[in-house]
Amino acid sequence: MQNAKLTIRETTEADLENVLALWNDGEVMRYVGFPDGLGVDLPCLDRWLEWIESGRPLINHYSVYAEEIGYCGETFYRIDPQREHKAAMDIKLFPAARGQGIASAALSFAIGQAFANGASRVWVDPNPENKKALALYRRLGFVEKPYPRDLRDGDQPVTTIYFELQKPQ
C-alpha cells in the first residue's frame, strides 16, 4: 500500500537493518516484556525472514515508512489453521511515528491482508498498561473478550488483555 505520505510493504532483506533497530529498542519493546530490547542480530533476522517468506500468505510481516520520518515500524499477522483460522496481529512503531495515524493505517492494512488471505477473525493481546494500544484497538473495532484457553501457556497467569475483531460479512 502506498499513498502520498505512507508506504506499507512486505518486509524484505533490505528492511532488516530497520527491523533490527526496532526490535533492539527498549522503548519499543517494553510493553512486550523486553525493556532492553530483544538483543537480536542480523543472522537471527535472516532466519526469521526465511520463516516469514516460507509461510506466506498465512504469515506476513510489513515494514512501514512515512514520507517525513522514514522507517516507522512494523505490522504482522499469522493465521492459524488449527485455531479456526484466527490471525494473531501485531504492530510496533518507533516513538517518533506515534500519534500521527500511522498505527491505525498500518494495522488496518494488515488486518485487511489477513482477512483477504483466509483469516476468520483477528486478535491481539496487548499489555494492559499500554493505554495507547488499547485505545487504538478499540478505535479499530476490536472487542475485549475472555482470553481463550487454547492460547494460554499452561497454568501461567494471563497478564495481557484479549481483543478480537470478526471478519466483515
N, C-alpha and C. Protein backbone atom coordinates (compact mmCIF):
# COMPACT_ATOMS: atom_id res chain seq x y z
N MET A 1 0.84 -1.17 0.00
CA MET A 1 0.00 0.00 0.00
C MET A 1 0.89 1.23 0.00
N GLN A 2 0.54 2.19 -0.80
CA GLN A 2 1.30 3.43 -0.83
C GLN A 2 0.35 4.57 -1.12
N ASN A 3 0.49 5.62 -0.32
CA ASN A 3 -0.20 6.86 -0.64
C ASN A 3 0.85 7.96 -0.60
N ALA A 4 0.42 9.20 -0.63
CA ALA A 4 1.37 10.31 -0.71
C ALA A 4 2.33 10.36 0.48
N LYS A 5 1.90 9.86 1.64
CA LYS A 5 2.73 10.01 2.83
C LYS A 5 3.14 8.71 3.49
N LEU A 6 2.52 7.59 3.13
CA LEU A 6 2.77 6.33 3.83
C LEU A 6 2.97 5.18 2.85
N THR A 7 3.98 4.35 3.13
CA THR A 7 4.24 3.15 2.35
C THR A 7 4.27 1.97 3.30
N ILE A 8 3.48 0.95 3.00
CA ILE A 8 3.47 -0.30 3.77
C ILE A 8 3.76 -1.40 2.77
N ARG A 9 4.86 -2.13 3.00
CA ARG A 9 5.24 -3.16 2.05
C ARG A 9 5.73 -4.41 2.77
N GLU A 10 5.64 -5.55 2.08
CA GLU A 10 6.17 -6.78 2.64
C GLU A 10 7.64 -6.57 2.98
N THR A 11 8.02 -7.03 4.15
CA THR A 11 9.40 -6.91 4.59
C THR A 11 10.31 -7.79 3.74
N THR A 12 11.43 -7.23 3.33
CA THR A 12 12.45 -7.95 2.56
C THR A 12 13.79 -7.80 3.28
N GLU A 13 14.80 -8.42 2.71
CA GLU A 13 16.15 -8.34 3.27
C GLU A 13 16.60 -6.88 3.40
N ALA A 14 16.16 -6.03 2.49
CA ALA A 14 16.55 -4.62 2.52
C ALA A 14 16.02 -3.89 3.76
N ASP A 15 15.02 -4.44 4.42
CA ASP A 15 14.42 -3.81 5.60
C ASP A 15 15.01 -4.31 6.91
N LEU A 16 15.85 -5.33 6.87
CA LEU A 16 16.28 -5.99 8.11
C LEU A 16 17.07 -5.10 9.06
N GLU A 17 17.88 -4.20 8.56
CA GLU A 17 18.60 -3.27 9.46
C GLU A 17 17.61 -2.43 10.25
N ASN A 18 16.52 -2.01 9.60
CA ASN A 18 15.49 -1.23 10.29
C ASN A 18 14.76 -2.07 11.33
N VAL A 19 14.40 -3.30 10.97
CA VAL A 19 13.73 -4.20 11.90
C VAL A 19 14.65 -4.48 13.09
N LEU A 20 15.92 -4.66 12.84
CA LEU A 20 16.90 -4.89 13.90
C LEU A 20 16.89 -3.73 14.89
N ALA A 21 16.92 -2.51 14.38
CA ALA A 21 16.90 -1.34 15.26
C ALA A 21 15.60 -1.28 16.07
N LEU A 22 14.49 -1.60 15.43
CA LEU A 22 13.19 -1.59 16.11
C LEU A 22 13.16 -2.62 17.24
N TRP A 23 13.53 -3.85 16.93
CA TRP A 23 13.46 -4.93 17.91
C TRP A 23 14.46 -4.79 19.05
N ASN A 24 15.54 -4.07 18.83
CA ASN A 24 16.54 -3.89 19.88
C ASN A 24 16.34 -2.59 20.66
N ASP A 25 15.24 -1.89 20.39
CA ASP A 25 14.91 -0.65 21.08
C ASP A 25 14.03 -0.96 22.30
N GLY A 26 14.56 -0.69 23.48
CA GLY A 26 13.83 -0.98 24.71
C GLY A 26 12.53 -0.21 24.85
N GLU A 27 12.48 1.02 24.36
CA GLU A 27 11.24 1.81 24.42
C GLU A 27 10.14 1.15 23.58
N VAL A 28 10.51 0.63 22.43
CA VAL A 28 9.55 -0.04 21.55
C VAL A 28 9.08 -1.36 22.15
N MET A 29 10.00 -2.09 22.75
CA MET A 29 9.73 -3.47 23.19
C MET A 29 9.29 -3.61 24.64
N ARG A 30 9.22 -2.53 25.39
CA ARG A 30 8.95 -2.65 26.83
C ARG A 30 7.59 -3.25 27.14
N TYR A 31 6.57 -2.95 26.36
CA TYR A 31 5.23 -3.49 26.65
C TYR A 31 5.09 -4.96 26.27
N VAL A 32 6.06 -5.50 25.56
CA VAL A 32 6.03 -6.94 25.26
C VAL A 32 7.05 -7.69 26.10
N GLY A 33 7.52 -7.04 27.16
CA GLY A 33 8.35 -7.72 28.14
C GLY A 33 9.84 -7.66 27.92
N PHE A 34 10.32 -6.76 27.04
CA PHE A 34 11.75 -6.66 26.76
C PHE A 34 12.20 -5.21 26.89
N PRO A 35 12.29 -4.69 28.11
CA PRO A 35 12.63 -3.27 28.30
C PRO A 35 14.03 -2.90 27.83
N ASP A 36 14.87 -3.88 27.54
CA ASP A 36 16.19 -3.61 26.99
C ASP A 36 16.28 -4.00 25.51
N GLY A 37 15.14 -4.27 24.89
CA GLY A 37 15.10 -4.74 23.51
C GLY A 37 15.34 -6.24 23.46
N LEU A 38 15.23 -6.81 22.28
CA LEU A 38 15.37 -8.27 22.13
C LEU A 38 16.82 -8.75 22.10
N GLY A 39 17.74 -7.89 21.69
CA GLY A 39 19.13 -8.30 21.60
C GLY A 39 19.41 -9.25 20.46
N VAL A 40 18.67 -9.10 19.36
CA VAL A 40 18.88 -9.98 18.20
C VAL A 40 19.95 -9.39 17.28
N ASP A 41 20.46 -10.25 16.38
CA ASP A 41 21.45 -9.80 15.41
C ASP A 41 20.94 -10.12 14.00
N LEU A 42 21.68 -9.67 12.99
CA LEU A 42 21.24 -9.87 11.60
C LEU A 42 21.14 -11.34 11.20
N PRO A 43 22.05 -12.22 11.59
CA PRO A 43 21.85 -13.64 11.22
C PRO A 43 20.54 -14.21 11.78
N CYS A 44 20.18 -13.80 12.97
CA CYS A 44 18.89 -14.23 13.54
C CYS A 44 17.73 -13.70 12.69
N LEU A 45 17.82 -12.44 12.28
CA LEU A 45 16.76 -11.87 11.45
C LEU A 45 16.72 -12.49 10.06
N ASP A 46 17.86 -12.89 9.54
CA ASP A 46 17.87 -13.59 8.25
C ASP A 46 17.06 -14.88 8.34
N ARG A 47 17.26 -15.65 9.41
CA ARG A 47 16.50 -16.90 9.62
C ARG A 47 15.01 -16.59 9.82
N TRP A 48 14.73 -15.55 10.57
CA TRP A 48 13.34 -15.16 10.80
C TRP A 48 12.65 -14.79 9.49
N LEU A 49 13.35 -14.02 8.63
CA LEU A 49 12.76 -13.63 7.36
C LEU A 49 12.52 -14.85 6.47
N GLU A 50 13.40 -15.82 6.50
CA GLU A 50 13.17 -17.07 5.75
C GLU A 50 11.89 -17.74 6.22
N TRP A 51 11.65 -17.75 7.53
CA TRP A 51 10.42 -18.31 8.10
C TRP A 51 9.20 -17.55 7.58
N ILE A 52 9.28 -16.23 7.61
CA ILE A 52 8.17 -15.40 7.10
C ILE A 52 7.91 -15.73 5.63
N GLU A 53 8.94 -15.69 4.82
CA GLU A 53 8.79 -15.91 3.38
C GLU A 53 8.26 -17.31 3.07
N SER A 54 8.65 -18.30 3.85
CA SER A 54 8.17 -19.67 3.60
C SER A 54 6.73 -19.86 4.06
N GLY A 55 6.23 -18.97 4.89
CA GLY A 55 4.87 -19.11 5.41
C GLY A 55 3.82 -18.25 4.73
N ARG A 56 4.26 -17.36 3.82
CA ARG A 56 3.30 -16.50 3.15
C ARG A 56 2.35 -17.35 2.32
N PRO A 57 1.06 -17.06 2.24
CA PRO A 57 0.36 -15.89 2.75
C PRO A 57 -0.26 -16.07 4.14
N LEU A 58 -0.05 -17.23 4.80
CA LEU A 58 -0.63 -17.41 6.14
C LEU A 58 0.09 -16.57 7.19
N ILE A 59 1.31 -16.18 6.89
CA ILE A 59 2.11 -15.33 7.77
C ILE A 59 2.62 -14.19 6.90
N ASN A 60 2.58 -12.97 7.42
CA ASN A 60 3.24 -11.89 6.69
C ASN A 60 3.65 -10.79 7.64
N HIS A 61 4.71 -10.11 7.25
CA HIS A 61 5.29 -9.02 8.02
C HIS A 61 5.47 -7.85 7.06
N TYR A 62 5.11 -6.69 7.53
CA TYR A 62 5.17 -5.49 6.69
C TYR A 62 6.03 -4.42 7.36
N SER A 63 6.82 -3.74 6.58
CA SER A 63 7.59 -2.60 7.03
C SER A 63 6.83 -1.33 6.66
N VAL A 64 6.82 -0.39 7.58
CA VAL A 64 6.02 0.83 7.44
C VAL A 64 6.97 2.03 7.34
N TYR A 65 6.76 2.83 6.31
CA TYR A 65 7.58 4.01 6.07
C TYR A 65 6.66 5.23 5.90
N ALA A 66 7.07 6.35 6.47
CA ALA A 66 6.35 7.61 6.28
C ALA A 66 7.29 8.60 5.60
N GLU A 67 6.71 9.42 4.75
CA GLU A 67 7.49 10.36 3.94
C GLU A 67 8.44 11.21 4.77
N GLU A 68 7.96 11.77 5.86
CA GLU A 68 8.77 12.72 6.63
C GLU A 68 9.60 12.05 7.73
N ILE A 69 9.38 10.75 7.97
CA ILE A 69 10.06 10.07 9.08
C ILE A 69 11.04 9.02 8.57
N GLY A 70 10.69 8.36 7.50
CA GLY A 70 11.45 7.20 7.05
C GLY A 70 10.82 5.96 7.66
N TYR A 71 11.65 5.02 8.07
CA TYR A 71 11.14 3.78 8.66
C TYR A 71 10.45 4.08 9.98
N CYS A 72 9.21 3.65 10.10
CA CYS A 72 8.41 3.91 11.30
C CYS A 72 8.29 2.69 12.20
N GLY A 73 8.18 1.50 11.58
CA GLY A 73 7.97 0.30 12.36
C GLY A 73 7.43 -0.83 11.51
N GLU A 74 6.66 -1.70 12.16
CA GLU A 74 6.22 -2.94 11.54
C GLU A 74 4.80 -3.28 11.91
N THR A 75 4.20 -4.13 11.09
CA THR A 75 2.96 -4.78 11.43
C THR A 75 3.03 -6.20 10.88
N PHE A 76 2.24 -7.09 11.46
CA PHE A 76 2.41 -8.53 11.23
C PHE A 76 1.08 -9.23 11.45
N TYR A 77 0.89 -10.34 10.74
CA TYR A 77 -0.21 -11.25 11.07
C TYR A 77 0.27 -12.68 10.89
N ARG A 78 -0.39 -13.58 11.61
CA ARG A 78 -0.15 -15.02 11.47
C ARG A 78 -1.47 -15.74 11.62
N ILE A 79 -1.94 -16.35 10.53
CA ILE A 79 -3.19 -17.10 10.52
C ILE A 79 -2.90 -18.52 10.99
N ASP A 80 -3.70 -18.99 11.94
CA ASP A 80 -3.52 -20.34 12.48
C ASP A 80 -4.66 -21.24 12.00
N PRO A 81 -4.41 -22.11 11.02
CA PRO A 81 -5.46 -23.01 10.51
C PRO A 81 -5.96 -23.98 11.58
N GLN A 82 -5.16 -24.23 12.61
CA GLN A 82 -5.56 -25.14 13.69
C GLN A 82 -6.51 -24.49 14.70
N ARG A 83 -6.62 -23.19 14.64
CA ARG A 83 -7.47 -22.45 15.59
C ARG A 83 -8.51 -21.62 14.83
N GLU A 84 -9.29 -22.30 14.02
CA GLU A 84 -10.41 -21.66 13.31
C GLU A 84 -9.96 -20.52 12.39
N HIS A 85 -8.75 -20.57 11.92
CA HIS A 85 -8.18 -19.52 11.05
C HIS A 85 -8.16 -18.14 11.72
N LYS A 86 -8.01 -18.13 13.04
CA LYS A 86 -7.80 -16.86 13.73
C LYS A 86 -6.40 -16.37 13.42
N ALA A 87 -6.26 -15.06 13.29
CA ALA A 87 -4.95 -14.47 12.99
C ALA A 87 -4.48 -13.60 14.14
N ALA A 88 -3.30 -13.90 14.65
CA ALA A 88 -2.64 -13.03 15.62
C ALA A 88 -2.12 -11.81 14.87
N MET A 89 -2.28 -10.66 15.46
CA MET A 89 -1.84 -9.40 14.84
C MET A 89 -0.81 -8.73 15.75
N ASP A 90 0.01 -7.89 15.16
CA ASP A 90 0.98 -7.14 15.94
C ASP A 90 1.32 -5.85 15.19
N ILE A 91 1.68 -4.85 15.97
CA ILE A 91 2.21 -3.61 15.41
C ILE A 91 3.17 -3.01 16.42
N LYS A 92 4.27 -2.47 15.90
CA LYS A 92 5.23 -1.76 16.74
C LYS A 92 5.75 -0.58 15.93
N LEU A 93 5.80 0.58 16.59
CA LEU A 93 6.31 1.78 15.94
C LEU A 93 7.34 2.46 16.83
N PHE A 94 8.31 3.10 16.20
CA PHE A 94 9.23 3.95 16.95
C PHE A 94 8.43 5.12 17.54
N PRO A 95 8.87 5.67 18.67
CA PRO A 95 8.15 6.79 19.29
C PRO A 95 7.89 7.96 18.35
N ALA A 96 8.81 8.28 17.46
CA ALA A 96 8.64 9.42 16.55
C ALA A 96 7.48 9.24 15.58
N ALA A 97 7.02 7.99 15.39
CA ALA A 97 5.94 7.72 14.44
C ALA A 97 4.57 7.60 15.12
N ARG A 98 4.54 7.74 16.42
CA ARG A 98 3.28 7.56 17.14
C ARG A 98 2.45 8.84 17.16
N GLY A 99 1.14 8.66 17.30
CA GLY A 99 0.24 9.80 17.42
C GLY A 99 -0.04 10.52 16.12
N GLN A 100 0.20 9.88 14.98
CA GLN A 100 0.01 10.52 13.68
C GLN A 100 -0.93 9.74 12.77
N GLY A 101 -1.57 8.70 13.30
CA GLY A 101 -2.47 7.88 12.49
C GLY A 101 -1.76 6.76 11.73
N ILE A 102 -0.45 6.66 11.90
CA ILE A 102 0.32 5.64 11.18
C ILE A 102 -0.05 4.25 11.66
N ALA A 103 -0.15 4.07 12.97
CA ALA A 103 -0.51 2.74 13.52
C ALA A 103 -1.87 2.30 13.03
N SER A 104 -2.82 3.19 13.02
CA SER A 104 -4.17 2.87 12.56
C SER A 104 -4.16 2.45 11.09
N ALA A 105 -3.47 3.20 10.26
CA ALA A 105 -3.41 2.88 8.83
C ALA A 105 -2.67 1.56 8.59
N ALA A 106 -1.54 1.37 9.26
CA ALA A 106 -0.74 0.16 9.05
C ALA A 106 -1.46 -1.08 9.56
N LEU A 107 -2.03 -0.99 10.74
CA LEU A 107 -2.72 -2.16 11.28
C LEU A 107 -3.98 -2.46 10.48
N SER A 108 -4.70 -1.44 10.05
CA SER A 108 -5.87 -1.66 9.20
C SER A 108 -5.48 -2.38 7.91
N PHE A 109 -4.35 -1.98 7.33
CA PHE A 109 -3.86 -2.65 6.13
C PHE A 109 -3.58 -4.12 6.41
N ALA A 110 -2.85 -4.41 7.48
CA ALA A 110 -2.50 -5.79 7.81
C ALA A 110 -3.75 -6.62 8.12
N ILE A 111 -4.71 -6.03 8.79
CA ILE A 111 -5.98 -6.73 9.07
C ILE A 111 -6.65 -7.10 7.75
N GLY A 112 -6.71 -6.16 6.83
CA GLY A 112 -7.31 -6.43 5.52
C GLY A 112 -6.59 -7.55 4.79
N GLN A 113 -5.27 -7.57 4.87
CA GLN A 113 -4.50 -8.63 4.25
C GLN A 113 -4.76 -9.98 4.90
N ALA A 114 -4.85 -10.00 6.22
CA ALA A 114 -5.15 -11.25 6.93
C ALA A 114 -6.51 -11.80 6.50
N PHE A 115 -7.51 -10.93 6.45
CA PHE A 115 -8.84 -11.38 6.02
C PHE A 115 -8.82 -11.84 4.56
N ALA A 116 -8.11 -11.12 3.72
CA ALA A 116 -8.03 -11.50 2.30
C ALA A 116 -7.33 -12.84 2.10
N ASN A 117 -6.50 -13.23 3.06
CA ASN A 117 -5.76 -14.48 2.95
C ASN A 117 -6.31 -15.60 3.82
N GLY A 118 -7.57 -15.44 4.26
CA GLY A 118 -8.25 -16.56 4.90
C GLY A 118 -8.55 -16.46 6.37
N ALA A 119 -8.17 -15.39 7.03
CA ALA A 119 -8.47 -15.26 8.46
C ALA A 119 -9.97 -15.11 8.67
N SER A 120 -10.50 -15.81 9.67
CA SER A 120 -11.91 -15.68 10.03
C SER A 120 -12.12 -14.53 11.00
N ARG A 121 -11.10 -14.27 11.81
CA ARG A 121 -11.09 -13.15 12.75
C ARG A 121 -9.64 -12.88 13.12
N VAL A 122 -9.40 -11.73 13.67
CA VAL A 122 -8.05 -11.36 14.08
C VAL A 122 -8.07 -11.03 15.56
N TRP A 123 -6.91 -11.19 16.20
CA TRP A 123 -6.85 -10.93 17.64
C TRP A 123 -5.52 -10.30 18.01
N VAL A 124 -5.55 -9.61 19.13
CA VAL A 124 -4.36 -9.01 19.74
C VAL A 124 -4.44 -9.25 21.24
N ASP A 125 -3.29 -9.22 21.89
CA ASP A 125 -3.29 -9.36 23.35
C ASP A 125 -2.31 -8.35 23.96
N PRO A 126 -2.71 -7.08 23.98
CA PRO A 126 -1.82 -6.03 24.47
C PRO A 126 -1.65 -6.07 25.99
N ASN A 127 -0.54 -5.50 26.41
CA ASN A 127 -0.29 -5.29 27.82
C ASN A 127 -1.31 -4.28 28.33
N PRO A 128 -1.98 -4.55 29.45
CA PRO A 128 -3.00 -3.61 29.94
C PRO A 128 -2.46 -2.23 30.31
N GLU A 129 -1.15 -2.10 30.50
CA GLU A 129 -0.56 -0.80 30.80
C GLU A 129 -0.35 0.04 29.56
N ASN A 130 -0.47 -0.56 28.38
CA ASN A 130 -0.25 0.16 27.13
C ASN A 130 -1.56 0.83 26.69
N LYS A 131 -1.86 1.92 27.32
CA LYS A 131 -3.16 2.61 27.13
C LYS A 131 -3.37 3.06 25.68
N LYS A 132 -2.30 3.50 25.03
CA LYS A 132 -2.45 3.95 23.64
C LYS A 132 -2.80 2.78 22.72
N ALA A 133 -2.21 1.61 22.97
CA ALA A 133 -2.55 0.43 22.16
C ALA A 133 -4.00 0.02 22.41
N LEU A 134 -4.43 0.05 23.65
CA LEU A 134 -5.82 -0.31 23.97
C LEU A 134 -6.78 0.62 23.23
N ALA A 135 -6.49 1.90 23.25
CA ALA A 135 -7.34 2.87 22.54
C ALA A 135 -7.35 2.61 21.04
N LEU A 136 -6.19 2.30 20.46
CA LEU A 136 -6.10 2.00 19.04
C LEU A 136 -6.99 0.81 18.68
N TYR A 137 -6.87 -0.28 19.41
CA TYR A 137 -7.65 -1.47 19.10
C TYR A 137 -9.14 -1.21 19.23
N ARG A 138 -9.52 -0.46 20.22
CA ARG A 138 -10.96 -0.13 20.38
C ARG A 138 -11.44 0.74 19.22
N ARG A 139 -10.62 1.72 18.81
CA ARG A 139 -11.00 2.57 17.66
C ARG A 139 -11.19 1.75 16.40
N LEU A 140 -10.39 0.70 16.24
CA LEU A 140 -10.48 -0.12 15.03
C LEU A 140 -11.60 -1.17 15.11
N GLY A 141 -12.32 -1.20 16.23
CA GLY A 141 -13.47 -2.10 16.34
C GLY A 141 -13.21 -3.40 17.06
N PHE A 142 -12.02 -3.59 17.60
CA PHE A 142 -11.74 -4.80 18.38
C PHE A 142 -12.60 -4.80 19.63
N VAL A 143 -13.02 -6.00 20.03
CA VAL A 143 -13.87 -6.18 21.20
C VAL A 143 -13.11 -7.03 22.22
N GLU A 144 -13.11 -6.58 23.47
CA GLU A 144 -12.46 -7.35 24.52
C GLU A 144 -13.29 -8.59 24.85
N LYS A 145 -12.60 -9.72 24.96
CA LYS A 145 -13.25 -11.00 25.27
C LYS A 145 -12.40 -11.75 26.28
N PRO A 146 -12.97 -12.78 26.91
CA PRO A 146 -12.13 -13.60 27.80
C PRO A 146 -10.99 -14.24 27.01
N TYR A 147 -9.84 -14.35 27.65
CA TYR A 147 -8.67 -14.92 26.99
C TYR A 147 -8.93 -16.39 26.70
N PRO A 148 -8.87 -16.82 25.43
CA PRO A 148 -9.18 -18.21 25.08
C PRO A 148 -8.21 -19.20 25.75
N ARG A 149 -8.75 -20.26 26.24
CA ARG A 149 -7.93 -21.31 26.90
C ARG A 149 -6.85 -21.86 25.97
N ASP A 150 -7.19 -22.03 24.69
CA ASP A 150 -6.22 -22.65 23.78
C ASP A 150 -5.03 -21.74 23.46
N LEU A 151 -5.09 -20.48 23.85
CA LEU A 151 -3.97 -19.57 23.63
C LEU A 151 -3.13 -19.38 24.89
N ARG A 152 -3.60 -19.92 26.01
CA ARG A 152 -2.87 -19.76 27.27
C ARG A 152 -1.69 -20.70 27.33
N ASP A 153 -0.68 -20.28 28.04
CA ASP A 153 0.54 -21.07 28.22
C ASP A 153 0.44 -21.86 29.52
N GLY A 154 -0.21 -23.02 29.44
CA GLY A 154 -0.36 -23.88 30.62
C GLY A 154 -1.12 -23.18 31.74
N ASP A 155 -0.54 -23.22 32.92
CA ASP A 155 -1.17 -22.59 34.09
C ASP A 155 -0.65 -21.19 34.36
N GLN A 156 0.13 -20.65 33.41
CA GLN A 156 0.67 -19.31 33.59
C GLN A 156 -0.48 -18.31 33.71
N PRO A 157 -0.37 -17.36 34.62
CA PRO A 157 -1.42 -16.33 34.69
C PRO A 157 -1.41 -15.46 33.44
N VAL A 158 -2.57 -15.06 33.01
CA VAL A 158 -2.70 -14.20 31.84
C VAL A 158 -2.40 -12.77 32.27
N THR A 159 -1.41 -12.14 31.63
CA THR A 159 -1.02 -10.78 32.00
C THR A 159 -1.37 -9.77 30.92
N THR A 160 -2.10 -10.22 29.92
CA THR A 160 -2.50 -9.33 28.83
C THR A 160 -4.01 -9.36 28.69
N ILE A 161 -4.51 -8.50 27.83
CA ILE A 161 -5.94 -8.43 27.53
C ILE A 161 -6.13 -9.03 26.14
N TYR A 162 -7.23 -9.70 25.94
CA TYR A 162 -7.51 -10.32 24.63
C TYR A 162 -8.60 -9.52 23.94
N PHE A 163 -8.30 -9.07 22.70
CA PHE A 163 -9.26 -8.37 21.85
C PHE A 163 -9.40 -9.15 20.55
N GLU A 164 -10.61 -9.14 20.01
CA GLU A 164 -10.88 -9.86 18.78
C GLU A 164 -11.69 -8.97 17.84
N LEU A 165 -11.50 -9.20 16.54
CA LEU A 165 -12.27 -8.49 15.52
C LEU A 165 -12.71 -9.52 14.50
N GLN A 166 -14.01 -9.59 14.25
CA GLN A 166 -14.57 -10.54 13.29
C GLN A 166 -14.38 -10.03 11.86
N LYS A 167 -14.26 -10.96 10.95
CA LYS A 167 -14.19 -10.62 9.54
C LYS A 167 -15.55 -10.02 9.12
N PRO A 168 -15.53 -8.88 8.44
CA PRO A 168 -16.81 -8.30 7.99
C PRO A 168 -17.55 -9.27 7.06
N GLN A 169 -18.86 -9.26 7.18
CA GLN A 169 -19.68 -10.17 6.34
C GLN A 169 -19.84 -9.61 4.95
